[in-house]
Protein backbone atom coordinates (compact mmCIF):
# COMPACT_ATOMS: atom_id res chain seq x y z
CA MET A 1 75.25 124.87 63.70
CA LYS A 2 78.71 124.14 65.08
CA ALA A 3 79.35 124.83 68.67
CA GLY A 4 82.04 127.31 67.79
CA ASN A 5 79.45 129.49 65.99
CA LYS A 6 76.86 129.65 68.75
CA PRO A 7 76.09 133.04 70.29
CA PRO A 8 77.38 133.61 73.81
CA SER A 9 75.20 131.98 76.40
CA THR A 10 73.47 134.19 78.96
CA THR A 11 72.75 131.43 81.45
CA THR A 12 74.35 131.11 84.84
CA PRO A 13 76.59 128.16 85.64
CA GLY A 14 74.13 126.65 88.08
CA LYS A 15 71.11 126.68 85.79
CA PRO A 16 70.44 124.60 82.70
CA LYS A 17 70.70 126.51 79.44
CA LYS A 18 67.40 127.07 77.65
CA ALA A 19 67.78 126.27 73.96
CA THR A 20 66.33 128.72 71.47
CA THR A 21 63.25 127.12 69.95
CA PHE A 22 62.54 127.19 66.25
CA GLN A 23 59.51 129.41 66.92
CA GLU A 24 61.72 131.97 68.67
CA PHE A 25 64.26 131.80 65.86
CA GLU A 26 61.50 132.23 63.29
CA SER A 27 60.07 135.26 65.09
CA ILE A 28 63.52 136.84 65.22
CA THR A 29 64.28 136.33 61.54
CA SER A 30 60.80 136.38 60.02
CA ASP A 31 61.36 139.84 58.56
CA ALA A 32 64.11 138.39 56.37
CA TRP A 33 61.61 136.51 54.20
CA ASP A 34 58.31 138.25 55.00
CA VAL A 35 57.57 139.44 51.46
CA GLY A 36 54.29 141.05 50.53
CA ASP A 37 52.38 140.25 47.36
CA ASP A 38 51.98 143.83 46.25
CA ASP A 39 55.34 144.89 44.83
CA ASP A 40 54.11 148.35 43.89
CA GLU A 41 53.07 149.04 47.45
CA LEU A 42 56.44 147.90 48.75
CA LEU A 43 58.30 150.07 46.25
CA ALA A 44 56.19 153.03 47.27
CA MET A 45 57.08 152.40 50.91
CA ALA A 46 60.76 152.31 50.02
CA ALA A 47 60.55 155.52 48.04
CA GLN A 48 59.11 157.36 51.03
CA ASN A 49 62.03 156.37 53.24
CA LEU A 50 64.85 157.08 50.78
CA ASN A 51 66.80 160.33 50.78
CA ILE A 52 66.51 161.89 47.31
CA GLU A 53 70.16 163.01 47.31
CA VAL A 54 71.30 159.48 48.07
CA VAL A 55 69.05 158.10 45.35
CA MET A 56 70.41 160.50 42.74
CA GLU A 57 74.00 159.91 43.74
CA THR A 58 73.52 156.15 43.59
CA ALA A 59 71.75 156.36 40.24
CA ASN A 60 74.61 158.40 38.78
CA LYS A 61 77.11 155.84 40.05
CA VAL A 62 75.15 153.01 38.47
CA ILE A 63 74.92 154.84 35.14
CA GLU A 64 78.62 155.65 35.20
CA ASN A 65 79.63 152.08 36.07
CA HIS A 66 77.25 150.69 33.48
CA SER A 67 78.74 152.94 30.80
CA LYS A 68 82.25 151.83 31.70
CA LEU A 69 81.16 148.20 31.56
CA GLN A 70 79.63 148.67 28.13
CA GLU A 71 82.77 150.39 26.87
CA ARG A 72 84.95 147.51 28.04
CA ARG A 73 82.66 144.97 26.44
CA GLN A 74 82.60 146.95 23.22
CA GLN A 75 86.39 147.09 23.13
CA GLN A 76 86.56 143.33 23.56
CA MET A 77 84.05 142.79 20.77
CA ASP A 78 85.96 145.15 18.48
CA LYS A 79 89.14 143.16 19.03
CA MET A 80 87.40 139.85 18.33
CA THR A 81 85.30 140.74 15.29
CA GLU A 82 86.96 143.96 14.02
CA PRO A 83 83.73 145.45 12.60
CA ASP A 84 83.72 148.79 10.85
CA GLU A 85 83.08 151.95 12.86
CA LYS A 86 79.42 152.21 11.90
CA ASP A 87 78.55 148.66 12.81
CA GLY A 88 80.37 149.06 16.12
CA GLN A 89 78.34 152.15 17.01
CA GLU A 90 75.07 150.39 16.16
CA ALA A 91 76.02 147.42 18.30
CA HIS A 92 76.93 149.75 21.17
CA GLU A 93 73.58 151.56 20.96
CA GLU A 94 71.70 148.28 20.81
CA GLU A 95 73.48 146.98 23.90
CA GLU A 96 72.73 150.18 25.82
CA GLU A 97 69.05 149.86 25.00
CA GLU A 98 68.90 146.20 26.02
CA PRO A 99 71.28 145.52 28.91
CA ASP A 100 71.69 141.85 29.62
CA GLU A 101 70.59 140.09 32.77
CA GLU A 102 74.08 140.13 34.28
CA ASP A 103 74.28 143.94 34.06
CA GLU A 104 70.88 144.24 35.71
CA ARG A 105 72.00 142.01 38.55
CA GLU A 106 75.14 144.07 39.06
CA GLU A 107 73.12 147.30 39.12
CA GLY A 108 70.70 145.84 41.62
CA ALA A 109 73.51 144.61 43.81
CA GLU A 110 75.20 148.01 43.78
CA ILE A 111 71.98 149.83 44.65
CA THR A 112 71.43 147.47 47.55
CA THR A 113 74.97 148.00 48.82
CA ASP A 114 74.90 151.78 48.60
CA LEU A 115 71.51 152.19 50.20
CA SER A 116 72.15 149.82 53.07
CA PHE A 117 73.85 152.58 55.04
CA SER A 118 71.20 155.26 54.59
CA SER A 119 67.80 153.65 54.23
CA GLU A 120 65.48 151.95 56.66
CA THR A 121 64.08 149.51 54.09
CA LEU A 122 66.46 147.66 51.79
CA PRO A 123 65.41 146.67 48.24
CA LEU A 124 66.65 143.35 46.87
CA SER A 125 67.41 142.62 43.25
CA ASP A 126 64.26 140.52 42.92
CA ASN A 127 62.03 143.40 44.10
CA ARG A 128 61.59 141.97 47.59
CA MET A 129 61.88 144.26 50.59
CA VAL A 130 63.82 143.39 53.72
CA LYS A 131 63.46 145.44 56.87
CA SER A 132 66.61 146.79 58.40
CA HIS A 133 67.74 145.74 61.85
CA SER A 134 66.53 149.01 63.38
CA GLU A 135 62.99 148.37 62.12
CA ALA A 136 62.70 144.80 63.43
CA PRO A 137 59.95 144.23 66.00
CA VAL A 138 61.10 144.65 69.55
CA GLY A 139 60.69 141.47 71.56
CA SER A 140 61.83 140.39 74.96
CA PRO A 141 65.32 141.46 76.11
CA LYS A 142 66.48 137.85 75.71
CA GLU A 143 65.30 137.71 72.10
CA VAL A 144 66.94 141.05 71.36
CA GLY A 145 70.16 139.83 72.95
CA ILE A 146 70.13 136.64 70.87
CA GLU A 147 69.40 138.59 67.70
CA GLN A 148 72.19 141.07 68.36
CA ALA A 149 74.64 138.27 69.15
CA VAL A 150 73.78 136.42 65.93
CA LEU A 151 74.08 139.62 63.89
CA HIS A 152 77.41 140.51 65.49
CA ARG A 153 78.82 137.01 64.89
CA GLN A 154 77.69 137.03 61.25
CA GLN A 155 79.25 140.45 60.66
CA SER A 156 82.50 139.41 62.33
CA LEU A 157 82.98 136.28 60.21
CA PRO A 158 85.98 136.68 57.88
CA HIS A 159 85.51 136.30 54.15
CA ARG A 160 87.49 133.27 52.98
CA PRO A 161 88.20 132.12 49.44
CA VAL A 162 86.79 128.82 48.26
CA ILE A 163 89.61 126.28 48.43
CA PRO A 164 89.79 123.95 45.39
CA LEU A 165 89.48 120.21 45.92
CA VAL A 166 93.16 119.59 45.40
CA ALA A 167 94.07 122.21 47.97
CA ARG A 168 91.61 120.74 50.44
CA MET A 169 93.54 117.50 50.27
CA ALA A 170 97.13 118.63 50.02
CA ASP A 171 98.06 122.27 50.38
CA GLN A 172 97.23 125.67 48.98
CA ASN A 173 100.09 125.85 46.49
CA THR A 174 98.83 123.31 43.98
CA SER A 175 97.02 123.32 40.67
CA GLY A 176 93.77 125.23 40.72
CA THR A 177 95.16 127.90 43.06
CA PRO A 178 96.91 131.21 42.29
CA ALA A 179 100.42 131.04 40.86
CA MET A 180 103.35 130.98 43.24
CA THR A 181 104.45 134.27 44.70
CA GLN A 182 108.03 135.45 44.33
CA ARG A 183 108.71 134.41 47.92
CA GLU A 184 107.33 130.90 47.32
CA ALA A 185 109.37 130.53 44.14
CA SER A 186 112.48 131.64 46.03
CA ARG A 187 111.85 129.06 48.76
CA LEU A 188 111.39 126.31 46.18
CA ASP A 189 114.69 127.29 44.57
CA LYS A 190 116.46 127.07 47.95
CA PHE A 191 115.08 123.57 48.52
CA ARG A 192 116.23 122.44 45.09
CA GLN A 193 119.72 123.80 45.69
CA VAL A 194 120.02 121.90 48.97
CA LEU A 195 118.66 118.69 47.45
CA ALA A 196 120.79 118.91 44.30
CA GLY A 197 124.17 118.61 45.98
CA PRO A 198 125.99 115.27 46.33
CA ASN A 199 125.95 115.66 50.12
CA THR A 200 122.63 116.82 51.48
CA ASP A 201 122.97 119.40 54.24
CA LEU A 202 120.35 117.88 56.53
CA GLU A 203 120.57 120.70 59.05
CA GLU A 204 119.83 123.26 56.35
CA LEU A 205 117.07 121.03 54.98
CA ARG A 206 115.43 120.90 58.42
CA LYS A 207 115.64 124.67 58.80
CA LEU A 208 113.95 125.18 55.46
CA SER A 209 111.33 122.51 56.15
CA TRP A 210 110.28 123.96 59.51
CA SER A 211 108.32 126.73 57.78
CA GLY A 212 106.69 124.39 55.28
CA ILE A 213 107.84 122.36 52.29
CA PRO A 214 106.75 123.17 48.71
CA ARG A 215 104.63 120.44 47.21
CA GLN A 216 107.09 119.88 44.35
CA VAL A 217 109.88 118.71 46.69
CA ARG A 218 107.86 117.42 49.63
CA PRO A 219 108.05 113.68 48.72
CA ILE A 220 111.84 113.53 48.50
CA THR A 221 112.25 115.82 51.52
CA TRP A 222 109.99 113.69 53.71
CA LYS A 223 111.90 110.55 52.72
CA LEU A 224 115.28 112.09 53.46
CA LEU A 225 114.14 113.45 56.83
CA SER A 226 112.67 110.03 57.70
CA VAL A 227 115.75 107.94 56.93
CA SER A 228 118.44 110.51 57.75
CA GLY A 229 118.51 109.53 61.40
CA THR A 230 119.84 106.07 60.60
CA ILE A 231 122.40 106.59 57.83
CA SER A 232 124.80 109.19 56.44
CA ALA A 233 123.72 112.35 54.70
CA HIS A 234 125.08 111.41 51.30
CA SER A 235 122.24 111.85 48.81
CA GLU A 236 123.04 108.74 46.79
CA VAL A 237 123.28 106.64 49.95
CA LEU A 238 119.96 107.98 51.18
CA LEU A 239 118.23 107.25 47.89
CA GLN A 240 119.78 103.78 47.74
CA MET A 241 118.44 103.17 51.22
CA VAL A 242 114.97 104.17 50.07
CA LYS A 243 115.27 101.70 47.19
CA LEU A 244 116.32 98.87 49.52
CA ILE A 245 113.43 99.66 51.84
CA ARG A 246 111.03 99.39 48.92
CA GLU A 247 112.42 96.01 47.89
CA LEU A 248 112.30 94.75 51.46
CA HIS A 249 108.68 95.72 51.79
CA ILE A 250 107.68 94.23 48.46
CA HIS A 251 109.42 90.90 49.08
CA GLN A 252 108.78 90.52 52.79
CA GLU A 253 107.10 87.28 53.81
CA PHE A 254 104.22 88.83 55.74
CA SER A 255 101.40 89.50 53.34
CA ILE A 256 97.66 89.59 53.80
CA ASN A 257 97.34 87.19 50.89
CA ASN A 258 99.73 84.68 52.50
CA PRO A 259 97.56 81.64 53.39
CA LYS A 260 99.58 80.79 56.51
CA HIS A 261 98.31 83.89 58.30
CA HIS A 262 94.70 82.85 57.87
CA SER A 263 95.39 79.64 59.80
CA ASN A 264 96.59 81.63 62.83
CA PRO A 265 93.52 82.71 64.86
CA LEU A 266 95.16 85.85 66.28
CA GLU A 267 96.44 87.04 62.93
CA SER A 268 93.16 86.16 61.27
CA THR A 269 91.34 88.29 63.86
CA LEU A 270 93.83 91.10 63.31
CA ASN A 271 93.24 90.90 59.59
CA THR A 272 89.48 91.13 60.13
CA ILE A 273 89.76 94.15 62.45
CA ILE A 274 91.93 96.03 59.97
CA HIS A 275 89.65 95.10 57.09
CA ILE A 276 86.66 96.55 58.95
CA ASP A 277 88.51 99.68 60.06
CA ILE A 278 90.00 100.70 56.72
CA PRO A 279 86.75 101.94 55.05
CA ARG A 280 86.32 104.33 58.00
CA THR A 281 89.54 106.11 57.07
CA ASN A 282 88.55 109.50 55.62
CA PRO A 283 85.17 108.19 54.42
CA LEU A 284 84.28 111.49 52.71
CA ILE A 285 87.32 111.46 50.41
CA PRO A 286 86.77 109.27 47.31
CA LEU A 287 90.46 108.42 47.00
CA PHE A 288 90.40 106.35 50.19
CA GLN A 289 87.29 104.44 49.16
CA GLN A 290 88.98 102.87 46.14
CA ALA A 291 89.50 99.13 46.52
CA SER A 292 93.15 99.26 45.44
CA VAL A 293 93.91 102.00 47.99
CA GLN A 294 92.21 100.07 50.78
CA GLU A 295 94.22 96.97 49.90
CA ILE A 296 97.44 98.99 50.17
CA PHE A 297 96.39 100.31 53.57
CA GLU A 298 95.48 96.81 54.77
CA ARG A 299 98.90 95.44 53.82
CA ILE A 300 100.74 98.35 55.44
CA LEU A 301 98.84 98.08 58.72
CA PHE A 302 98.89 94.28 58.86
CA ILE A 303 102.63 94.07 58.23
CA TRP A 304 103.35 96.77 60.80
CA ALA A 305 101.15 95.09 63.43
CA ILE A 306 102.81 91.70 62.86
CA ARG A 307 106.26 93.23 63.25
CA HIS A 308 105.28 95.12 66.43
CA PRO A 309 103.53 92.58 68.66
CA ALA A 310 103.93 94.77 71.77
CA SER A 311 101.26 97.07 70.45
CA GLY A 312 99.72 95.31 67.49
CA TYR A 313 97.09 97.24 65.60
CA VAL A 314 95.29 100.00 67.50
CA GLN A 315 92.48 102.11 66.13
CA GLY A 316 93.88 105.44 65.04
CA ILE A 317 97.06 104.08 63.48
CA ASN A 318 95.17 103.81 60.18
CA ASP A 319 94.86 107.61 60.11
CA LEU A 320 98.63 108.01 60.28
CA VAL A 321 99.12 106.36 56.88
CA THR A 322 97.02 108.89 54.96
CA PRO A 323 99.36 111.93 54.90
CA PHE A 324 102.28 109.81 53.68
CA PHE A 325 100.15 108.11 51.04
CA VAL A 326 98.81 111.41 49.67
CA VAL A 327 102.25 113.04 49.57
CA TYR A 328 103.82 110.10 47.75
CA VAL A 329 100.96 109.89 45.25
CA PHE A 330 101.68 113.53 44.41
CA GLU A 331 105.20 112.48 43.45
CA TYR A 332 103.77 110.86 40.32
CA ILE A 333 100.78 113.02 39.36
CA GLU A 334 100.03 116.69 38.75
CA GLU A 335 96.22 116.70 38.91
CA GLU A 336 94.06 116.83 42.01
CA VAL A 337 94.20 113.70 44.08
CA GLU A 338 90.83 113.45 45.84
CA ASN A 339 89.16 111.74 42.88
CA PHE A 340 92.28 110.36 41.22
CA ASN A 341 92.05 106.71 40.16
CA VAL A 342 95.25 105.16 41.49
CA SER A 343 94.64 102.05 39.39
CA SER A 344 95.77 104.10 36.40
CA LEU A 345 99.30 104.16 37.83
CA GLN A 346 101.80 101.47 36.90
CA GLU A 347 102.16 98.54 39.28
CA GLU A 348 105.75 99.48 40.09
CA VAL A 349 104.68 103.01 41.01
CA LEU A 350 101.98 101.70 43.34
CA ARG A 351 104.52 99.42 45.02
CA ASN A 352 106.88 102.35 45.53
CA ILE A 353 104.10 104.48 47.04
CA GLU A 354 103.14 101.63 49.36
CA ALA A 355 106.72 100.93 50.44
CA ASP A 356 107.52 104.60 51.02
CA SER A 357 104.33 105.07 53.04
CA PHE A 358 105.06 101.97 55.12
CA TRP A 359 108.63 102.97 55.90
CA CYS A 360 107.84 106.56 56.88
CA MET A 361 104.86 105.54 59.00
CA SER A 362 107.05 102.96 60.73
CA LYS A 363 109.71 105.57 61.51
CA LEU A 364 107.04 107.88 62.91
CA LEU A 365 105.59 105.16 65.15
CA ASP A 366 109.04 104.13 66.39
CA GLY A 367 109.14 107.42 68.28
CA ILE A 368 105.64 107.18 69.79
CA GLN A 369 105.07 103.43 70.11
CA ASP A 370 104.22 103.71 73.81
CA ASN A 371 101.12 105.58 72.66
CA TYR A 372 99.79 102.27 71.37
CA THR A 373 101.04 99.61 73.79
CA PHE A 374 98.75 98.11 76.44
CA ALA A 375 96.80 100.81 78.33
CA GLN A 376 98.49 103.37 76.05
CA PRO A 377 100.73 104.84 78.78
CA GLY A 378 102.35 107.33 76.41
CA ILE A 379 99.03 109.04 75.76
CA GLN A 380 98.16 109.02 79.47
CA ARG A 381 101.40 110.85 80.29
CA LYS A 382 101.01 113.37 77.49
CA VAL A 383 97.43 114.23 78.40
CA LYS A 384 98.52 114.79 82.00
CA ALA A 385 101.40 116.99 80.81
CA LEU A 386 98.97 118.94 78.63
CA GLU A 387 96.71 119.58 81.61
CA GLU A 388 99.63 120.83 83.71
CA LEU A 389 100.91 123.02 80.89
CA VAL A 390 97.52 124.64 80.21
CA SER A 391 97.04 125.32 83.92
CA ARG A 392 100.21 127.42 83.77
CA ILE A 393 99.75 129.24 80.47
CA ASP A 394 96.01 129.98 80.79
CA GLU A 395 94.65 129.35 84.26
CA THR A 396 91.27 130.88 83.33
CA VAL A 397 90.62 128.26 80.65
CA HIS A 398 91.87 125.50 82.94
CA ARG A 399 89.59 126.54 85.82
CA HIS A 400 86.65 126.98 83.47
CA MET A 401 86.91 123.36 82.35
CA GLN A 402 87.35 122.23 85.94
CA GLN A 403 84.23 124.15 86.94
CA TYR A 404 82.13 122.16 84.48
CA GLU A 405 83.95 118.88 85.20
CA VAL A 406 85.55 118.48 81.77
CA GLU A 407 88.44 116.03 81.97
CA TYR A 408 91.32 116.55 79.55
CA LEU A 409 91.35 112.85 78.76
CA GLN A 410 87.81 113.17 77.37
CA PHE A 411 88.92 115.33 74.44
CA ALA A 412 92.74 115.30 74.35
CA PHE A 413 93.05 111.51 74.13
CA ARG A 414 92.06 111.76 70.47
CA TRP A 415 94.46 114.66 69.96
CA MET A 416 97.35 112.46 71.05
CA ASN A 417 96.13 109.20 69.55
CA ASN A 418 95.53 110.68 66.09
CA LEU A 419 98.04 113.56 66.22
CA LEU A 420 95.22 116.12 65.69
CA MET A 421 94.29 114.51 62.38
CA ARG A 422 90.61 114.35 63.38
CA GLU A 423 90.65 118.03 64.34
CA LEU A 424 92.30 119.47 61.21
CA PRO A 425 91.75 119.16 57.45
CA LEU A 426 94.22 116.83 55.78
CA ARG A 427 95.96 119.73 54.02
CA CYS A 428 96.69 121.24 57.45
CA THR A 429 97.95 117.92 58.79
CA ILE A 430 100.43 117.67 55.92
CA ARG A 431 101.67 121.20 56.59
CA LEU A 432 101.90 120.41 60.31
CA TRP A 433 103.95 117.31 59.59
CA ASP A 434 106.43 119.34 57.54
CA THR A 435 107.42 120.97 60.81
CA TYR A 436 107.12 117.81 62.91
CA GLN A 437 109.64 116.04 60.67
CA ALA A 438 111.99 119.02 60.77
CA GLU A 439 111.69 119.42 64.54
CA PRO A 440 113.70 117.09 66.83
CA GLU A 441 111.20 114.71 68.43
CA GLY A 442 108.45 116.51 66.58
CA PHE A 443 105.82 113.79 66.88
CA SER A 444 106.73 112.67 70.38
CA HIS A 445 107.53 115.94 72.13
CA PHE A 446 106.74 119.07 70.12
CA HIS A 447 103.20 117.81 69.52
CA LEU A 448 102.43 118.45 73.21
CA TYR A 449 103.07 122.18 72.76
CA VAL A 450 101.05 122.24 69.55
CA CYS A 451 98.09 120.73 71.44
CA ALA A 452 98.43 123.33 74.20
CA ALA A 453 98.54 126.18 71.67
CA PHE A 454 95.61 124.62 69.82
CA LEU A 455 93.48 124.48 72.97
CA VAL A 456 94.24 128.05 74.03
CA ARG A 457 93.53 129.16 70.44
CA TRP A 458 89.83 128.53 71.21
CA ARG A 459 89.90 130.41 74.51
CA LYS A 460 87.03 132.76 73.65
CA GLU A 461 84.76 129.98 72.43
CA ILE A 462 85.56 127.81 75.45
CA LEU A 463 84.75 130.54 77.96
CA GLU A 464 81.43 131.22 76.20
CA GLU A 465 80.23 127.68 76.93
CA LYS A 466 78.56 127.38 80.31
CA ASP A 467 77.91 123.67 80.69
CA PHE A 468 79.60 120.30 80.25
CA GLN A 469 77.68 119.33 77.12
CA GLY A 470 78.42 122.57 75.31
CA LEU A 471 82.12 122.35 76.10
CA MET A 472 82.39 118.76 74.92
CA ILE A 473 80.53 119.47 71.68
CA LEU A 474 82.86 122.40 71.02
CA LEU A 475 86.09 120.55 71.83
CA GLN A 476 85.12 117.58 69.68
CA ASN A 477 83.94 119.70 66.72
CA LEU A 478 86.29 122.67 66.54
CA PRO A 479 85.60 124.85 63.47
CA THR A 480 88.79 124.33 61.45
CA MET A 481 87.25 123.36 58.11
CA HIS A 482 88.53 126.53 56.42
CA TRP A 483 91.98 126.49 58.01
CA GLY A 484 94.98 126.76 55.75
CA ASN A 485 98.73 127.31 55.87
CA GLU A 486 98.43 130.68 57.58
CA GLU A 487 96.49 129.35 60.57
CA VAL A 488 98.82 126.37 60.93
CA SER A 489 101.87 128.64 60.82
CA VAL A 490 100.46 130.80 63.61
CA LEU A 491 99.70 127.68 65.65
CA LEU A 492 103.24 126.36 65.18
CA ALA A 493 104.79 129.70 66.11
CA GLU A 494 102.84 129.78 69.37
CA ALA A 495 103.79 126.15 70.07
CA TYR A 496 107.46 126.99 69.53
CA ARG A 497 107.16 129.89 71.97
CA LEU A 498 105.72 127.53 74.59
CA LYS A 499 108.44 124.98 73.94
CA PHE A 500 111.12 127.64 74.30
CA ALA A 501 109.64 128.67 77.66
CA PHE A 502 108.94 125.23 79.15
CA ALA A 503 110.79 122.43 77.34
CA ASP A 504 114.11 122.81 79.15
CA ALA A 505 112.42 123.44 82.49
CA PRO A 506 109.57 120.92 82.81
CA ASN A 507 109.06 121.77 86.48
CA HIS A 508 107.96 125.23 85.40
CA TYR A 509 104.59 123.84 84.33
CA LYS A 510 104.12 121.75 87.45
CA ARG A 511 102.52 123.29 90.50
């Protein structure tokens, strides 16, 4: 169970929290699977508790719904086979006499749903009986409190759709998801109009990108936003620059396979560290476990580390390659990417993906390189600024963490080092980076306000934890697995509000 889903603790700050034992949990929930052997006896018990009017009303509903279902199925069969009228009637009668298993399950489910509000004993579709909450055995006040808290939390959980694999990796507007809405299609058209002109209006492109970039135009948009700070806004010039960058990367002299680097002890050690670290990058996603992908990542990280001796390679930089790599793979494929075999792509395409990923990662790190130099002073400053900012925007949360001796550096270091990539699904990171690349100093400055909004987002869960261990488990395992574009958009809006209030007056969040 994640920390974010635990029931509110009833312990006092000065006393250790007593964990609920399995025996206590079993006694609380035993009625959920305590099924008797005599089904007839259980059905008789249920019949005694049911209101006859409710039973009749429910039965009529089931019959009516079943009849409608049969009529729809019959109409479909008539269209497919076009039998004569007599044969159709016989088939209809036969189906009514022998409803299939799916219809029976639907009837059982409907009966269960309708009776759950009026009966004390609830029948399940497999003839088991489950006692209602009001009939559960009364235990100690603590047990009752735990049971009520668990029930309340379960009832309050929102119903979320299952996100396809491709959407888990990239975004929620890809294959396997519902078709684009009219608003999404309109946004895509606006992007294409801006990108189609001979002179790209970068200011307009940034404005559009702030609220998210459609997958179809995200690769070219990310490239233009990455290189636009160094050259003119002419589309052909920008694209030519991208081409030159690719050639430079492909033909550069620093390569992992270059024998001269293996004779240098420092570079050989660097190569070994990167080689060990790469398999740990998104280990649960098959794409990143492919040998060809890991070789690309090794070259990107090794070349960058050699060219930036002030920082070299630092753990966490490997994570920053993944969003770029995924986005630029999508430039060449339509199917889901998690299990895509990149070896099926042409060699030239793989080189382009590698070069584009290297360039964009390098531009990102140029703005936050002090995060990775000796002692990582950039992260130290940002964590301190985060602490000061939170103390101003939510003093209750700040004092709560102080009370249980939680240091911001203990959880926020990773937020700054990995740009929240360990806290959010990759699809959310990509959406977040749409805004970061559109926002001036998005990675170096705006990220601070995103972290503050992210922390305060879990205010309720934080205040429910009453000890150091519980707080640390929560802050290191925040329940964002089902987050999507909507949650990220809300987070970014709150971060923008904080930036508007504090960015131009930094002393406002200093005491």
